[in-house]
PDB file of N, CA and C in Angstrom:
ATOM      1  N   MET A   1      60.815 109.719  64.464  1.00  0.00           N
ATOM      2  CA  MET A   1      60.314 110.359  63.270  1.00  0.00           C
ATOM      3  C   MET A   1      60.835 111.608  62.775  1.00  0.00           C
ATOM      4  N   VAL A   2      61.206 111.729  61.724  1.00  0.00           N
ATOM      5  CA  VAL A   2      61.409 113.088  61.171  1.00  0.00           C
ATOM      6  C   VAL A   2      59.950 113.790  60.232  1.00  0.00           C
ATOM      7  N   GLY A   3      60.183 115.066  60.514  1.00  0.00           N
ATOM      8  CA  GLY A   3      58.788 115.797  59.839  1.00  0.00           C
ATOM      9  C   GLY A   3      57.686 115.877  60.928  1.00  0.00           C
ATOM     10  N   THR A   4      56.573 116.345  60.191  1.00  0.00           N
ATOM     11  CA  THR A   4      55.318 116.430  60.851  1.00  0.00           C
ATOM     12  C   THR A   4      54.458 115.240  60.988  1.00  0.00           C
ATOM     13  N   MET A   5      53.628 115.223  61.846  1.00  0.00           N
ATOM     14  CA  MET A   5      52.478 114.495  61.835  1.00  0.00           C
ATOM     15  C   MET A   5      51.697 114.261  60.457  1.00  0.00           C
ATOM     16  N   GLN A   6      51.669 115.348  59.978  1.00  0.00           N
ATOM     17  CA  GLN A   6      50.952 115.361  58.571  1.00  0.00           C
ATOM     18  C   GLN A   6      51.796 114.587  57.578  1.00  0.00           C
ATOM     19  N   GLN A   7      53.015 114.687  57.530  1.00  0.00           N
ATOM     20  CA  GLN A   7      53.962 114.114  56.807  1.00  0.00           C
ATOM     21  C   GLN A   7      53.634 112.488  57.058  1.00  0.00           C
ATOM     22  N   GLU A   8      53.863 111.881  58.464  1.00  0.00           N
ATOM     23  CA  GLU A   8      54.139 110.884  58.638  1.00  0.00           C
ATOM     24  C   GLU A   8      52.606 110.016  58.054  1.00  0.00           C
ATOM     25  N   MET A   9      51.417 110.780  58.263  1.00  0.00           N
ATOM     26  CA  MET A   9      50.265 110.104  57.975  1.00  0.00           C
ATOM     27  C   MET A   9      50.281 109.767  56.513  1.00  0.00           C
ATOM     28  N   GLU A  10      50.715 110.858  55.878  1.00  0.00           N
ATOM     29  CA  GLU A  10      50.597 110.913  54.123  1.00  0.00           C
ATOM     30  C   GLU A  10      51.762 109.673  53.801  1.00  0.00           C
ATOM     31  N   ARG A  11      52.672 109.426  54.548  1.00  0.00           N
ATOM     32  CA  ARG A  11      53.670 108.675  53.956  1.00  0.00           C
ATOM     33  C   ARG A  11      53.030 107.210  54.213  1.00  0.00           C
ATOM     34  N   LEU A  12      52.575 106.829  55.656  1.00  0.00           N
ATOM     35  CA  LEU A  12      51.912 105.851  55.773  1.00  0.00           C
ATOM     36  C   LEU A  12      50.615 105.426  54.880  1.00  0.00           C
ATOM     37  N   LEU A  13      49.798 106.443  54.662  1.00  0.00           N
ATOM     38  CA  LEU A  13      49.091 106.049  53.686  1.00  0.00           C
ATOM     39  C   LEU A  13      49.050 105.759  52.273  1.00  0.00           C
ATOM     40  N   ARG A  14      50.150 106.268  51.671  1.00  0.00           N
ATOM     41  CA  ARG A  14      50.476 106.091  50.478  1.00  0.00           C
ATOM     42  C   ARG A  14      51.266 104.765  50.395  1.00  0.00           C
ATOM     43  N   GLU A  15      51.911 104.410  51.362  1.00  0.00           N
ATOM     44  CA  GLU A  15      52.635 103.015  51.692  1.00  0.00           C
ATOM     45  C   GLU A  15      51.655 101.785  51.511  1.00  0.00           C
ATOM     46  N   ALA A  16      50.405 102.144  52.276  1.00  0.00           N
ATOM     47  CA  ALA A  16      49.443 101.115  52.459  1.00  0.00           C
ATOM     48  C   ALA A  16      48.557 101.049  51.225  1.00  0.00           C
ATOM     49  N   PHE A  17      48.089 102.304  50.685  1.00  0.00           N
ATOM     50  CA  PHE A  17      46.887 101.891  49.684  1.00  0.00           C
ATOM     51  C   PHE A  17      47.374 102.672  48.175  1.00  0.00           C
ATOM     52  N   ALA A  18      48.519 103.345  48.338  1.00  0.00           N
ATOM     53  CA  ALA A  18      48.946 103.768  46.923  1.00  0.00           C
ATOM     54  C   ALA A  18      47.727 104.800  46.183  1.00  0.00           C
ATOM     55  N   PRO A  19      47.378 105.589  46.753  1.00  0.00           N
ATOM     56  CA  PRO A  19      46.045 106.333  46.701  1.00  0.00           C
ATOM     57  C   PRO A  19      45.959 107.185  45.289  1.00  0.00           C
ATOM     58  N   SER A  20      44.974 107.208  44.646  1.00  0.00           N
ATOM     59  CA  SER A  20      45.042 108.365  43.277  1.00  0.00           C
ATOM     60  C   SER A  20      44.811 109.408  43.936  1.00  0.00           C
ATOM     61  N   ALA A  21      44.413 109.731  44.891  1.00  0.00           N
ATOM     62  CA  ALA A  21      44.320 110.986  45.504  1.00  0.00           C
ATOM     63  C   ALA A  21      44.391 111.266  46.933  1.00  0.00           C
ATOM     64  N   LEU A  22      45.030 112.135  47.534  1.00  0.00           N
ATOM     65  CA  LEU A  22      45.082 111.865  49.245  1.00  0.00           C
ATOM     66  C   LEU A  22      45.361 113.456  49.699  1.00  0.00           C
ATOM     67  N   HIS A  23      44.491 113.938  50.549  1.00  0.00           N
ATOM     68  CA  HIS A  23      44.638 115.255  51.129  1.00  0.00           C
ATOM     69  C   HIS A  23      44.649 114.970  52.622  1.00  0.00           C
ATOM     70  N   VAL A  24      45.992 115.445  53.361  1.00  0.00           N
ATOM     71  CA  VAL A  24      45.800 115.424  54.841  1.00  0.00           C
ATOM     72  C   VAL A  24      46.094 116.935  55.417  1.00  0.00           C
ATOM     73  N   VAL A  25      44.853 117.336  55.977  1.00  0.00           N
ATOM     74  CA  VAL A  25      44.642 118.655  56.047  1.00  0.00           C
ATOM     75  C   VAL A  25      44.865 118.831  57.808  1.00  0.00           C
ATOM     76  N   ASN A  26      45.867 119.671  58.361  1.00  0.00           N
ATOM     77  CA  ASN A  26      46.194 119.877  59.769  1.00  0.00           C
ATOM     78  C   ASN A  26      44.713 120.888  59.984  1.00  0.00           C
ATOM     79  N   ASP A  27      43.895 120.483  61.156  1.00  0.00           N
ATOM     80  CA  ASP A  27      42.684 121.421  61.415  1.00  0.00           C
ATOM     81  C   ASP A  27      43.040 121.811  62.792  1.00  0.00           C
ATOM     82  N   SER A  28      43.964 121.570  63.660  1.00  0.00           N
ATOM     83  CA  SER A  28      44.302 121.522  64.781  1.00  0.00           C
ATOM     84  C   SER A  28      44.049 123.323  65.394  1.00  0.00           C
ATOM     85  N   ALA A  29      44.425 124.110  64.516  1.00  0.00           N
ATOM     86  CA  ALA A  29      44.183 125.908  64.723  1.00  0.00           C
ATOM     87  C   ALA A  29      42.426 125.959  65.096  1.00  0.00           C
ATOM     88  N   ARG A  30      42.006 125.211  64.404  1.00  0.00           N
ATOM     89  CA  ARG A  30      40.265 125.612  64.656  1.00  0.00           C
ATOM     90  C   ARG A  30      39.908 125.093  66.061  1.00  0.00           C
ATOM     91  N   HIS A  31      40.577 124.204  66.476  1.00  0.00           N
ATOM     92  CA  HIS A  31      40.236 123.448  67.573  1.00  0.00           C
ATOM     93  C   HIS A  31      41.058 124.181  68.988  1.00  0.00           C
ATOM     94  N   ARG A  32      42.055 125.059  68.947  1.00  0.00           N
ATOM     95  CA  ARG A  32      42.845 125.578  69.760  1.00  0.00           C
ATOM     96  C   ARG A  32      41.808 125.698  71.066  1.00  0.00           C
ATOM     97  N   GLY A  33      42.465 125.292  72.377  1.00  0.00           N
ATOM     98  CA  GLY A  33      41.505 125.224  73.351  1.00  0.00           C
ATOM     99  C   GLY A  33      40.199 124.414  73.668  1.00  0.00           C
ATOM    100  N   HIS A  34      40.035 123.650  72.866  1.00  0.00           N
ATOM    101  CA  HIS A  34      39.135 122.602  72.871  1.00  0.00           C
ATOM    102  C   HIS A  34      39.580 121.487  73.672  1.00  0.00           C
ATOM    103  N   ALA A  35      38.818 120.325  73.958  1.00  0.00           N
ATOM    104  CA  ALA A  35      39.198 119.167  74.297  1.00  0.00           C
ATOM    105  C   ALA A  35      39.755 118.650  73.152  1.00  0.00           C
ATOM    106  N   GLY A  36      40.828 117.836  73.807  1.00  0.00           N
ATOM    107  CA  GLY A  36      41.747 117.066  73.120  1.00  0.00           C
ATOM    108  C   GLY A  36      42.996 117.894  72.361  1.00  0.00           C
ATOM    109  N   ASP A  37      43.288 119.166  72.607  1.00  0.00           N
ATOM    110  CA  ASP A  37      43.916 120.202  72.178  1.00  0.00           C
ATOM    111  C   ASP A  37      45.068 119.871  73.053  1.00  0.00           C
ATOM    112  N   ASP A  38      46.184 119.523  72.688  1.00  0.00           N
ATOM    113  CA  ASP A  38      47.442 119.392  73.732  1.00  0.00           C
ATOM    114  C   ASP A  38      48.433 120.441  73.599  1.00  0.00           C
ATOM    115  N   GLY A  39      48.191 121.581  72.729  1.00  0.00           N
ATOM    116  CA  GLY A  39      49.044 122.624  72.373  1.00  0.00           C
ATOM    117  C   GLY A  39      50.018 122.315  71.510  1.00  0.00           C
ATOM    118  N   SER A  40      50.194 120.979  70.810  1.00  0.00           N
ATOM    119  CA  SER A  40      51.045 120.871  69.992  1.00  0.00           C
ATOM    120  C   SER A  40      51.301 121.125  68.581  1.00  0.00           C
ATOM    121  N   GLY A  41      49.857 121.851  68.350  1.00  0.00           N
ATOM    122  CA  GLY A  41      49.472 121.815  66.861  1.00  0.00           C
ATOM    123  C   GLY A  41      49.247 120.991  66.043  1.00  0.00           C
ATOM    124  N   GLU A  42      48.985 119.711  66.336  1.00  0.00           N
ATOM    125  CA  GLU A  42      48.887 118.370  65.487  1.00  0.00           C
ATOM    126  C   GLU A  42      47.930 117.610  66.345  1.00  0.00           C
ATOM    127  N   SER A  43      46.793 118.128  66.635  1.00  0.00           N
ATOM    128  CA  SER A  43      45.919 117.024  67.400  1.00  0.00           C
ATOM    129  C   SER A  43      44.598 117.010  66.827  1.00  0.00           C
ATOM    130  N   HIS A  44      44.004 117.255  65.614  1.00  0.00           N
ATOM    131  CA  HIS A  44      43.057 117.321  64.803  1.00  0.00           C
ATOM    132  C   HIS A  44      43.451 117.573  63.224  1.00  0.00           C
ATOM    133  N   PHE A  45      42.966 116.377  62.666  1.00  0.00           N
ATOM    134  CA  PHE A  45      43.197 116.286  61.228  1.00  0.00           C
ATOM    135  C   PHE A  45      41.833 115.609  60.344  1.00  0.00           C
ATOM    136  N   THR A  46      42.019 116.263  59.388  1.00  0.00           N
ATOM    137  CA  THR A  46      41.088 115.811  58.310  1.00  0.00           C
ATOM    138  C   THR A  46      41.804 115.128  57.286  1.00  0.00           C
ATOM    139  N   ILE A  47      41.521 113.732  56.759  1.00  0.00           N
ATOM    140  CA  ILE A  47      42.044 112.721  55.744  1.00  0.00           C
ATOM    141  C   ILE A  47      41.178 112.510  54.665  1.00  0.00           C
ATOM    142  N   THR A  48      41.285 113.096  53.018  1.00  0.00           N
ATOM    143  CA  THR A  48      40.600 112.767  52.283  1.00  0.00           C
ATOM    144  C   THR A  48      41.113 111.756  51.269  1.00  0.00           C
ATOM    145  N   ILE A  49      40.822 110.419  51.006  1.00  0.00           N
ATOM    146  CA  ILE A  49      41.748 109.505  50.497  1.00  0.00           C
ATOM    147  C   ILE A  49      40.833 108.846  49.665  1.00  0.00           C
ATOM    148  N   GLU A  50      41.246 108.617  48.275  1.00  0.00           N
ATOM    149  CA  GLU A  50      40.673 107.646  46.951  1.00  0.00           C
ATOM    150  C   GLU A  50      41.762 106.980  46.820  1.00  0.00           C
ATOM    151  N   ALA A  51      41.144 105.547  47.068  1.00  0.00           N
ATOM    152  CA  ALA A  51      42.181 104.101  46.763  1.00  0.00           C
ATOM    153  C   ALA A  51      41.145 103.044  46.273  1.00  0.00           C
ATOM    154  N   ALA A  52      41.768 102.268  44.994  1.00  0.00           N
ATOM    155  CA  ALA A  52      41.056 101.127  44.785  1.00  0.00           C
ATOM    156  C   ALA A  52      40.916 100.316  45.725  1.00  0.00           C
ATOM    157  N   ALA A  53      41.734 100.020  46.568  1.00  0.00           N
ATOM    158  CA  ALA A  53      41.518  99.023  47.912  1.00  0.00           C
ATOM    159  C   ALA A  53      40.108  99.268  48.568  1.00  0.00           C
ATOM    160  N   PHE A  54      39.478 100.636  48.501  1.00  0.00           N
ATOM    161  CA  PHE A  54      38.354 100.766  49.028  1.00  0.00           C
ATOM    162  C   PHE A  54      37.136 100.415  48.234  1.00  0.00           C
ATOM    163  N   ALA A  55      37.343  99.653  47.162  1.00  0.00           N
ATOM    164  CA  ALA A  55      36.071  99.194  46.386  1.00  0.00           C
ATOM    165  C   ALA A  55      35.677  98.265  46.858  1.00  0.00           C
ATOM    166  N   GLY A  56      34.163  98.204  46.867  1.00  0.00           N
ATOM    167  CA  GLY A  56      33.446  97.261  47.813  1.00  0.00           C
ATOM    168  C   GLY A  56      33.244  97.302  49.117  1.00  0.00           C
ATOM    169  N   LYS A  57      33.730  98.098  49.580  1.00  0.00           N
ATOM    170  CA  LYS A  57      33.769  98.202  51.259  1.00  0.00           C
ATOM    171  C   LYS A  57      32.829  99.179  51.781  1.00  0.00           C
ATOM    172  N   SER A  58      32.210  98.675  52.875  1.00  0.00           N
ATOM    173  CA  SER A  58      31.337 100.073  53.591  1.00  0.00           C
ATOM    174  C   SER A  58      32.084 101.455  54.270  1.00  0.00           C
ATOM    175  N   ARG A  59      31.555 102.333  54.492  1.00  0.00           N
ATOM    176  CA  ARG A  59      32.257 103.403  54.946  1.00  0.00           C
ATOM    177  C   ARG A  59      32.912 103.424  56.348  1.00  0.00           C
ATOM    178  N   LEU A  60      32.283 102.136  57.101  1.00  0.00           N
ATOM    179  CA  LEU A  60      33.065 101.638  58.360  1.00  0.00           C
ATOM    180  C   LEU A  60      34.467 101.009  58.061  1.00  0.00           C
ATOM    181  N   GLU A  61      34.196  99.993  56.803  1.00  0.00           N
ATOM    182  CA  GLU A  61      35.388  99.171  56.492  1.00  0.00           C
ATOM    183  C   GLU A  61      36.339 100.069  56.232  1.00  0.00           C
ATOM    184  N   ARG A  62      36.034 101.115  55.372  1.00  0.00           N
ATOM    185  CA  ARG A  62      37.126 102.318  54.803  1.00  0.00           C
ATOM    186  C   ARG A  62      37.940 102.778  55.886  1.00  0.00           C
ATOM    187  N   GLN A  63      37.045 103.301  57.118  1.00  0.00           N
ATOM    188  CA  GLN A  63      37.601 104.074  58.079  1.00  0.00           C
ATOM    189  C   GLN A  63      38.497 103.093  58.975  1.00  0.00           C
ATOM    190  N   ARG A  64      38.228 101.885  59.318  1.00  0.00           N
ATOM    191  CA  ARG A  64      38.891 101.039  59.741  1.00  0.00           C
ATOM    192  C   ARG A  64      40.111 100.441  59.123  1.00  0.00           C
ATOM    193  N   MET A  65      40.537 100.535  57.564  1.00  0.00           N
ATOM    194  CA  MET A  65      41.504 100.161  56.865  1.00  0.00           C
ATOM    195  C   MET A  65      42.428 101.326  57.264  1.00  0.00           C
ATOM    196  N   VAL A  66      41.707 102.497  57.060  1.00  0.00           N
ATOM    197  CA  VAL A  66      42.843 103.888  57.275  1.00  0.00           C
ATOM    198  C   VAL A  66      43.346 103.960  58.463  1.00  0.00           C
ATOM    199  N   ASN A  67      42.566 103.495  59.660  1.00  0.00           N
ATOM    200  CA  ASN A  67      43.043 103.456  61.002  1.00  0.00           C
ATOM    201  C   ASN A  67      44.136 102.679  61.281  1.00  0.00           C
ATOM    202  N   ARG A  68      43.758 101.477  60.662  1.00  0.00           N
ATOM    203  CA  ARG A  68      44.987 100.383  60.805  1.00  0.00           C
ATOM    204  C   ARG A  68      46.208 100.624  60.222  1.00  0.00           C
ATOM    205  N   ALA A  69      46.043 101.306  58.880  1.00  0.00           N
ATOM    206  CA  ALA A  69      47.357 101.806  58.287  1.00  0.00           C
ATOM    207  C   ALA A  69      47.935 102.550  59.128  1.00  0.00           C
ATOM    208  N   LEU A  70      47.382 103.474  59.999  1.00  0.00           N
ATOM    209  CA  LEU A  70      47.959 104.706  60.592  1.00  0.00           C
ATOM    210  C   LEU A  70      48.723 104.121  62.124  1.00  0.00           C
ATOM    211  N   GLY A  71      48.440 102.898  62.292  1.00  0.00           N
ATOM    212  CA  GLY A  71      49.016 102.647  63.456  1.00  0.00           C
ATOM    213  C   GLY A  71      48.371 102.966  64.778  1.00  0.00           C
ATOM    214  N   ASP A  72      49.397 103.537  65.644  1.00  0.00           N
ATOM    215  CA  ASP A  72      49.033 104.158  66.755  1.00  0.00           C
ATOM    216  C   ASP A  72      48.631 105.819  66.725  1.00  0.00           C
ATOM    217  N   ILE A  73      48.446 106.200  65.802  1.00  0.00           N
ATOM    218  CA  ILE A  73      48.743 107.595  65.638  1.00  0.00           C
ATOM    219  C   ILE A  73      46.831 107.743  65.953  1.00  0.00           C
ATOM    220  N   PRO A  74      45.892 107.286  65.445  1.00  0.00           N
ATOM    221  CA  PRO A  74      44.667 107.585  66.017  1.00  0.00           C
ATOM    222  C   PRO A  74      44.590 107.111  67.452  1.00  0.00           C
ATOM    223  N   GLY A  75      44.031 108.163  67.917  1.00  0.00           N
ATOM    224  CA  GLY A  75      43.463 107.936  69.537  1.00  0.00           C
ATOM    225  C   GLY A  75      44.721 108.072  70.483  1.00  0.00           C
ATOM    226  N   GLU A  76      45.989 107.938  70.057  1.00  0.00           N
ATOM    227  CA  GLU A  76      47.219 107.683  70.906  1.00  0.00           C
ATOM    228  C   GLU A  76      47.816 109.051  70.887  1.00  0.00           C
ATOM    229  N   ARG A  77      48.196 109.314  69.620  1.00  0.00           N
ATOM    230  CA  ARG A  77      49.284 110.460  68.964  1.00  0.00           C
ATOM    231  C   ARG A  77      48.310 111.637  68.508  1.00  0.00           C
ATOM    232  N   VAL A  78      47.407 111.580  67.914  1.00  0.00           N
ATOM    233  CA  VAL A  78      46.447 112.494  67.324  1.00  0.00           C
ATOM    234  C   VAL A  78      45.044 112.244  67.952  1.00  0.00           C
ATOM    235  N   HIS A  79      44.269 113.161  68.597  1.00  0.00           N
ATOM    236  CA  HIS A  79      43.124 113.292  69.182  1.00  0.00           C
ATOM    237  C   HIS A  79      41.938 113.092  68.447  1.00  0.00           C
ATOM    238  N   ALA A  80      42.155 113.568  67.219  1.00  0.00           N
ATOM    239  CA  ALA A  80      40.772 113.841  66.271  1.00  0.00           C
ATOM    240  C   ALA A  80      41.233 113.314  64.704  1.00  0.00           C
ATOM    241  N   LEU A  81      40.500 112.475  63.984  1.00  0.00           N
ATOM    242  CA  LEU A  81      40.590 112.443  62.661  1.00  0.00           C
ATOM    243  C   LEU A  81      39.094 112.179  62.040  1.00  0.00           C
ATOM    244  N   ALA A  82      39.079 112.930  60.920  1.00  0.00           N
ATOM    245  CA  ALA A  82      37.874 112.733  60.214  1.00  0.00           C
ATOM    246  C   ALA A  82      38.328 112.403  59.005  1.00  0.00           C
ATOM    247  N   ILE A  83      37.632 111.006  58.620  1.00  0.00           N
ATOM    248  CA  ILE A  83      38.503 110.299  57.324  1.00  0.00           C
ATOM    249  C   ILE A  83      36.919 110.159  56.249  1.00  0.00           C
ATOM    250  N   ARG A  84      37.359 110.642  55.124  1.00  0.00           N
ATOM    251  CA  ARG A  84      36.908 110.506  53.946  1.00  0.00           C
ATOM    252  C   ARG A  84      37.386 109.527  53.044  1.00  0.00           C
ATOM    253  N   ALA A  85      36.967 108.362  52.961  1.00  0.00           N
ATOM    254  CA  ALA A  85      37.725 107.512  52.127  1.00  0.00           C
ATOM    255  C   ALA A  85      36.769 107.003  51.058  1.00  0.00           C
ATOM    256  N   SER A  86      37.264 106.814  49.850  1.00  0.00           N
ATOM    257  CA  SER A  86      36.278 106.337  48.676  1.00  0.00           C
ATOM    258  C   SER A  86      37.380 105.680  47.633  1.00  0.00           C
ATOM    259  N   ALA A  87      36.697 104.868  46.817  1.00  0.00           N
ATOM    260  CA  ALA A  87      37.190 104.264  45.689  1.00  0.00           C
ATOM    261  C   ALA A  87      37.394 105.291  44.418  1.00  0.00           C
ATOM    262  N   PRO A  88      37.832 104.945  43.735  1.00  0.00           N
ATOM    263  CA  PRO A  88      37.766 105.570  42.231  1.00  0.00           C
ATOM    264  C   PRO A  88      36.466 105.518  41.502  1.00  0.00           C
ATOM    265  N   ASP A  89      35.797 106.216  41.122  1.00  0.00           N
ATOM    266  CA  ASP A  89      34.512 105.893  40.358  1.00  0.00           C
ATOM    267  C   ASP A  89      34.622 105.292  38.968  1.00  0.00           C
TER     268      ASP A  89
END
């Protein structure tokens, strides 16, 4: 993979959902020295995504959809993801 974990997640989410809004924020610096900090600087992220695919889905279903789209990233390559997924109003 070429690029950062943030760029890879953005690409995967754009391909899966064609979102109307997407923000992937690297929060790793805020967790330096805490559990799950592997020293890579790419261990904790916040994802805010808005996509029509989330319409009518529960919060849990939306989070599962995002996790599936990210493949092996959650839990294996990234320690923690905060996911805020919504449908357009």
